[in-house]
């Protein structure tokens, strides 16, 4: 019994932290731009395959490839996603959602053409090989490191939003756009900055977990669905709510995986989110505010 409790506790921490890192960018977009980013999954795909391209085809070292990934993610987000789509269709939700989905599908199909599943993509960002043994269960050290990174990244974002002037302006825009405009805030710049910030957590997440994750051109869809469920449960756009929701979902997934059946993890999460929304449609926290 003690062994099973230890397993659930460790997996709750690990899964909850990973879910948080996956969903953090989605919460930023929802909280600031109030955009349900249906192309969010392509961030993961771009990160993995740009990293692979830089290493395999352009012979970058791992360090320079990681730097290149972040630079390309920022440029791609601004040039392909924000300015031609999000900014243009911000008031046309149906066109915005459709355009983001189409771009995401185009990214997946392009990647699948150049690097199909059979290409054997491997991202050499392993920090610590091996696994932690808990009874019959094994937890890769790499995922535990990713969990610690997730907490550190969330703490940095929280500090930025609560203590740094630019972060306070972002929060002001997320709470009241008209009021922020009257106070002289440049909403256009804040929107662009929010889009840039939103790609950082999922990029960090996938680069760390890639060595122990199943890499395919379509991995973004599953990761995006996890981010959406966590964000909806926590309250769309509310980072505090996402933190709480991540560990609730992590505990549920760990408990179901160990005590019931691992194949029911996804279904259990869906039932939980649906049940909460029946009694609390806004989620666990206010969805009108970023924090």
Protein backbone atom coordinates (compact mmCIF):
# COMPACT_ATOMS: atom_id res chain seq x y z
CA UNK A 1 0.00 0.00 0.00
CA UNK A 2 2.82 2.40 0.92
CA UNK A 3 4.51 1.63 -2.38
CA UNK A 4 1.38 2.50 -4.35
CA UNK A 5 0.95 5.76 -2.46
CA UNK A 6 4.58 6.68 -3.20
CA UNK A 7 4.00 5.90 -6.86
CA UNK A 8 0.90 8.10 -7.04
CA UNK A 9 2.62 10.99 -5.21
CA UNK A 10 5.67 10.96 -7.49
CA UNK A 11 3.59 10.62 -10.65
CA UNK A 12 1.22 13.37 -9.49
CA UNK A 13 4.19 15.70 -9.15
CA UNK A 14 5.69 14.65 -12.48
CA UNK A 15 2.52 14.60 -14.58
CA UNK A 16 1.10 17.73 -12.94
CA UNK A 17 4.29 19.67 -13.62
CA UNK A 18 4.45 18.51 -17.24
CA UNK A 19 0.79 19.37 -17.80
CA UNK A 20 1.47 22.80 -16.36
CA UNK A 21 4.39 23.43 -18.70
CA UNK A 22 2.34 22.21 -21.67
CA UNK A 23 -0.60 24.49 -20.84
CA UNK A 24 1.20 27.62 -19.61
CA UNK A 25 1.54 29.15 -23.08
CA UNK A 26 -2.09 28.42 -23.91
CA UNK A 27 -3.18 30.19 -20.72
CA UNK A 28 -1.13 33.25 -21.63
CA UNK A 29 -2.76 33.52 -25.05
CA UNK A 30 -6.26 33.03 -23.65
CA UNK A 31 -5.64 35.41 -20.75
CA UNK A 32 -4.18 38.30 -22.75
CA UNK A 33 -5.54 38.03 -26.29
CA UNK A 34 -8.68 36.07 -25.34
CA UNK A 35 -7.93 33.78 -28.27
CA UNK A 36 -8.67 30.05 -28.21
CA UNK A 37 -5.48 29.10 -30.03
CA UNK A 38 -6.43 26.02 -32.06
CA UNK A 39 -2.99 26.02 -33.65
CA UNK A 40 -1.19 25.74 -30.31
CA UNK A 41 -0.06 22.19 -31.03
CA UNK A 42 2.16 23.28 -33.91
CA UNK A 43 4.49 24.99 -31.41
CA UNK A 44 5.59 21.55 -30.18
CA UNK A 45 5.99 20.25 -33.73
CA UNK A 46 8.03 23.23 -34.93
CA UNK A 47 10.32 23.01 -31.89
CA UNK A 48 11.14 19.32 -32.33
CA UNK A 49 11.63 19.27 -36.07
CA UNK A 50 13.50 22.56 -36.33
CA UNK A 51 15.85 21.19 -33.68
CA UNK A 52 16.31 17.99 -35.70
CA UNK A 53 16.79 19.92 -38.95
CA UNK A 54 19.44 22.20 -37.46
CA UNK A 55 21.39 19.28 -36.03
CA UNK A 56 21.00 16.76 -38.86
CA UNK A 57 20.96 18.94 -41.98
CA UNK A 58 22.87 22.05 -40.89
CA UNK A 59 25.22 20.32 -38.42
CA UNK A 60 24.61 22.72 -35.54
CA UNK A 61 25.85 21.79 -32.10
CA UNK A 62 23.11 21.05 -29.54
CA UNK A 63 23.58 24.42 -27.81
CA UNK A 64 23.38 26.46 -31.01
CA UNK A 65 20.46 24.35 -32.23
CA UNK A 66 18.49 25.08 -29.05
CA UNK A 67 19.17 28.80 -29.47
CA UNK A 68 18.15 28.55 -33.12
CA UNK A 69 14.90 26.83 -32.18
CA UNK A 70 13.86 29.70 -29.91
CA UNK A 71 14.79 32.32 -32.51
CA UNK A 72 12.83 30.53 -35.22
CA UNK A 73 9.87 29.98 -32.90
CA UNK A 74 9.67 33.71 -32.19
CA UNK A 75 10.00 34.65 -35.87
CA UNK A 76 7.48 32.01 -36.95
CA UNK A 77 5.01 33.15 -34.30
CA UNK A 78 5.22 36.81 -35.32
CA UNK A 79 5.57 36.47 -39.10
CA UNK A 80 3.29 33.48 -39.76
CA UNK A 81 0.83 33.41 -36.86
CA UNK A 82 0.39 36.75 -35.13
CA UNK A 83 0.57 39.51 -37.75
CA UNK A 84 -1.12 37.82 -40.74
CA UNK A 85 -3.73 35.84 -38.75
CA UNK A 86 -4.28 36.72 -35.09
CA UNK A 87 -3.94 40.47 -35.47
CA UNK A 88 -6.00 40.54 -38.68
CA UNK A 89 -8.86 38.32 -37.50
CA UNK A 90 -8.92 39.13 -33.79
CA UNK A 91 -12.53 40.34 -34.09
CA UNK A 92 -13.56 37.54 -36.47
CA UNK A 93 -13.47 34.46 -34.26
CA UNK A 94 -14.66 32.01 -36.91
CA UNK A 95 -11.95 33.10 -39.37
CA UNK A 96 -9.32 33.18 -36.63
CA UNK A 97 -9.98 29.63 -35.43
CA UNK A 98 -10.21 28.27 -38.98
CA UNK A 99 -6.99 29.97 -40.07
CA UNK A 100 -5.05 28.72 -37.05
CA UNK A 101 -6.23 25.17 -37.64
CA UNK A 102 -5.23 25.35 -41.30
CA UNK A 103 -1.76 26.67 -40.50
CA UNK A 104 -1.30 23.95 -37.91
CA UNK A 105 -2.34 21.25 -40.38
CA UNK A 106 -0.03 22.74 -43.01
CA UNK A 107 2.89 22.59 -40.56
CA UNK A 108 2.16 18.95 -39.71
CA UNK A 109 1.88 17.89 -43.35
CA UNK A 110 5.04 19.79 -44.33
CA UNK A 111 6.97 18.14 -41.52
CA UNK A 112 5.55 14.74 -42.44
CA UNK A 113 6.75 15.22 -46.02
CA UNK A 114 10.34 16.02 -45.11
CA UNK A 115 10.61 13.96 -41.89
CA UNK A 116 8.01 11.17 -41.82
CA UNK A 117 7.54 9.00 -38.76
CA UNK A 118 9.97 6.46 -40.23
CA UNK A 119 12.76 9.08 -40.29
CA UNK A 120 13.76 8.08 -36.76
CA UNK A 121 13.95 11.57 -35.29
CA UNK A 122 15.92 11.81 -32.06
CA UNK A 123 16.50 15.02 -30.11
CA UNK A 124 19.81 14.80 -28.15
CA UNK A 125 18.73 16.86 -25.15
CA UNK A 126 19.07 14.06 -22.61
CA UNK A 127 20.27 15.53 -19.32
CA UNK A 128 20.24 12.46 -17.10
CA UNK A 129 19.72 8.92 -18.44
CA UNK A 130 18.20 6.13 -16.41
CA UNK A 131 15.06 5.88 -14.32
CA UNK A 132 13.91 6.06 -10.72
CA UNK A 133 12.56 2.72 -9.52
CA UNK A 134 9.51 2.67 -7.26
CA UNK A 135 8.60 -0.96 -6.73
CA UNK A 136 7.73 -2.32 -10.16
CA UNK A 137 7.39 1.15 -11.69
CA UNK A 138 10.11 3.18 -13.39
CA UNK A 139 10.09 6.95 -13.88
CA UNK A 140 12.69 8.40 -16.29
CA UNK A 141 14.97 10.90 -14.59
CA UNK A 142 14.55 13.10 -17.66
CA UNK A 143 10.83 13.54 -16.89
CA UNK A 144 11.59 14.36 -13.27
CA UNK A 145 14.05 17.02 -14.44
CA UNK A 146 11.37 18.34 -16.78
CA UNK A 147 9.04 18.58 -13.77
CA UNK A 148 11.53 20.69 -11.85
CA UNK A 149 12.09 22.90 -14.90
CA UNK A 150 8.31 23.32 -15.17
CA UNK A 151 8.06 24.60 -11.61
CA UNK A 152 11.02 26.94 -12.14
CA UNK A 153 9.53 28.30 -15.38
CA UNK A 154 6.16 28.86 -13.74
CA UNK A 155 7.82 30.68 -10.84
CA UNK A 156 9.68 32.93 -13.30
CA UNK A 157 6.47 33.74 -15.16
CA UNK A 158 4.67 34.44 -11.88
CA UNK A 159 7.45 36.78 -10.75
CA UNK A 160 7.39 38.51 -14.13
CA UNK A 161 3.62 39.06 -13.99
CA UNK A 162 3.53 40.12 -10.35
CA UNK A 163 6.71 42.17 -9.93
CA UNK A 164 8.04 43.36 -13.29
CA UNK A 165 6.54 46.51 -14.81
CA UNK A 166 5.94 44.95 -18.22
CA UNK A 167 4.30 41.97 -16.57
CA UNK A 168 1.98 44.27 -14.63
CA UNK A 169 1.01 45.97 -17.90
CA UNK A 170 0.25 42.56 -19.43
CA UNK A 171 -1.99 41.77 -16.47
CA UNK A 172 -3.71 45.14 -16.80
CA UNK A 173 -4.44 44.46 -20.48
CA UNK A 174 -5.78 41.01 -19.62
CA UNK A 175 -8.15 42.50 -17.02
CA UNK A 176 -9.37 45.64 -18.80
CA UNK A 177 -8.25 46.58 -22.30
CA UNK A 178 -10.07 49.92 -22.33
CA UNK A 179 -8.63 50.93 -18.98
CA UNK A 180 -5.14 49.92 -20.07
CA UNK A 181 -5.48 52.02 -23.23
CA UNK A 182 -6.55 55.04 -21.17
CA UNK A 183 -3.45 54.59 -19.00
CA UNK A 184 -1.23 54.68 -22.11
CA UNK A 185 -0.50 50.98 -22.54
CA UNK A 186 0.46 49.86 -26.04
CA UNK A 187 -1.98 46.99 -26.46
CA UNK A 188 -0.51 46.11 -29.87
CA UNK A 189 2.94 45.55 -28.35
CA UNK A 190 1.49 43.65 -25.41
CA UNK A 191 -0.35 41.31 -27.75
CA UNK A 192 2.83 40.64 -29.74
CA UNK A 193 4.81 40.10 -26.53
CA UNK A 194 2.16 37.71 -25.21
CA UNK A 195 2.40 35.67 -28.40
CA UNK A 196 6.19 35.48 -28.00
CA UNK A 197 5.96 34.50 -24.34
CA UNK A 198 3.39 31.84 -25.15
CA UNK A 199 5.83 29.79 -27.25
CA UNK A 200 8.50 29.58 -24.55
CA UNK A 201 6.92 27.04 -22.11
CA UNK A 202 5.80 24.49 -24.75
CA UNK A 203 9.17 24.77 -26.52
CA UNK A 204 11.06 24.17 -23.28
CA UNK A 205 8.71 21.30 -22.47
CA UNK A 206 9.07 19.37 -25.71
CA UNK A 207 12.84 19.86 -25.98
CA UNK A 208 13.30 18.33 -22.52
CA UNK A 209 10.87 15.45 -22.85
CA UNK A 210 11.67 14.65 -26.51
CA UNK A 211 14.43 12.09 -25.70
CA UNK A 212 11.88 9.92 -23.83
CA UNK A 213 8.76 10.83 -25.82
CA UNK A 214 7.22 9.38 -28.95
CA UNK A 215 8.15 11.80 -31.73
CA UNK A 216 5.87 12.02 -34.77
CA UNK A 217 4.77 14.92 -36.99
CA UNK A 218 1.37 14.73 -35.31
CA UNK A 219 2.46 14.85 -31.68
CA UNK A 220 1.13 18.40 -31.31
CA UNK A 221 -2.54 17.39 -31.30
CA UNK A 222 -2.33 15.23 -28.16
CA UNK A 223 -0.23 17.79 -26.31
CA UNK A 224 -2.58 20.59 -27.33
CA UNK A 225 -5.61 18.65 -26.09
CA UNK A 226 -3.92 18.23 -22.72
CA UNK A 227 -3.21 21.97 -22.60
CA UNK A 228 -6.81 22.79 -23.51
CA UNK A 229 -8.31 20.49 -20.86
CA UNK A 230 -6.05 21.87 -18.14
CA UNK A 231 -6.78 25.47 -19.17
CA UNK A 232 -10.53 24.90 -19.31
CA UNK A 233 -10.54 23.19 -15.92
CA UNK A 234 -8.44 25.93 -14.34
CA UNK A 235 -10.36 28.79 -15.99
CA UNK A 236 -9.42 29.88 -19.49
CA UNK A 237 -6.48 32.25 -19.36
CA UNK A 238 -5.95 32.12 -15.60
CA UNK A 239 -2.46 30.88 -14.77
CA UNK A 240 -3.22 30.33 -11.08
CA UNK A 241 -6.16 28.17 -12.08
CA UNK A 242 -3.97 26.26 -14.54
CA UNK A 243 -1.47 25.50 -11.77
CA UNK A 244 -4.21 24.03 -9.58
CA UNK A 245 -5.83 22.19 -12.48
CA UNK A 246 -2.52 20.68 -13.64
CA UNK A 247 -1.88 18.92 -10.35
CA UNK A 248 -5.50 17.83 -9.97
CA UNK A 249 -5.37 16.24 -13.42
CA UNK A 250 -1.92 14.83 -12.61
CA UNK A 251 -3.23 13.18 -9.43
CA UNK A 252 -6.26 11.78 -11.25
CA UNK A 253 -4.10 10.37 -14.05
CA UNK A 254 -1.64 8.80 -11.59
CA UNK A 255 -4.38 7.30 -9.44
CA UNK A 256 -6.29 5.89 -12.39
CA UNK A 257 -3.12 4.54 -14.01
CA UNK A 258 -2.02 2.69 -10.87
CA UNK A 259 -5.28 1.66 -9.22
CA UNK A 260 -7.62 1.22 -12.20
CA UNK A 261 -6.28 1.01 -15.77
CA UNK A 262 -3.74 3.24 -17.58
CA UNK A 263 -5.92 3.19 -20.70
CA UNK A 264 -8.62 5.08 -18.79
CA UNK A 265 -6.44 8.10 -17.93
CA UNK A 266 -7.72 10.23 -20.79
CA UNK A 267 -11.35 9.31 -20.23
CA UNK A 268 -11.10 10.05 -16.52
CA UNK A 269 -9.71 13.51 -17.27
CA UNK A 270 -12.54 14.26 -19.71
CA UNK A 271 -15.16 13.17 -17.15
CA UNK A 272 -13.53 15.33 -14.47
CA UNK A 273 -13.45 18.44 -16.67
CA UNK A 274 -17.04 17.91 -17.83
CA UNK A 275 -18.25 17.40 -14.26
CA UNK A 276 -16.54 20.52 -12.95
CA UNK A 277 -17.91 22.62 -15.82
CA UNK A 278 -21.47 21.48 -15.07
CA UNK A 279 -21.30 23.00 -11.60
CA UNK A 280 -18.71 25.72 -12.26
CA UNK A 281 -18.75 26.76 -15.94
CA UNK A 282 -15.99 29.35 -15.46
CA UNK A 283 -13.57 26.69 -14.21
CA UNK A 284 -11.71 26.65 -10.91
CA UNK A 285 -10.55 30.27 -11.16
CA UNK A 286 -11.74 33.47 -12.83
CA UNK A 287 -11.33 33.22 -16.57
CA UNK A 288 -11.39 36.99 -17.04
CA UNK A 289 -7.93 37.53 -15.63
CA UNK A 290 -4.45 36.24 -16.45
CA UNK A 291 -3.58 35.86 -12.75
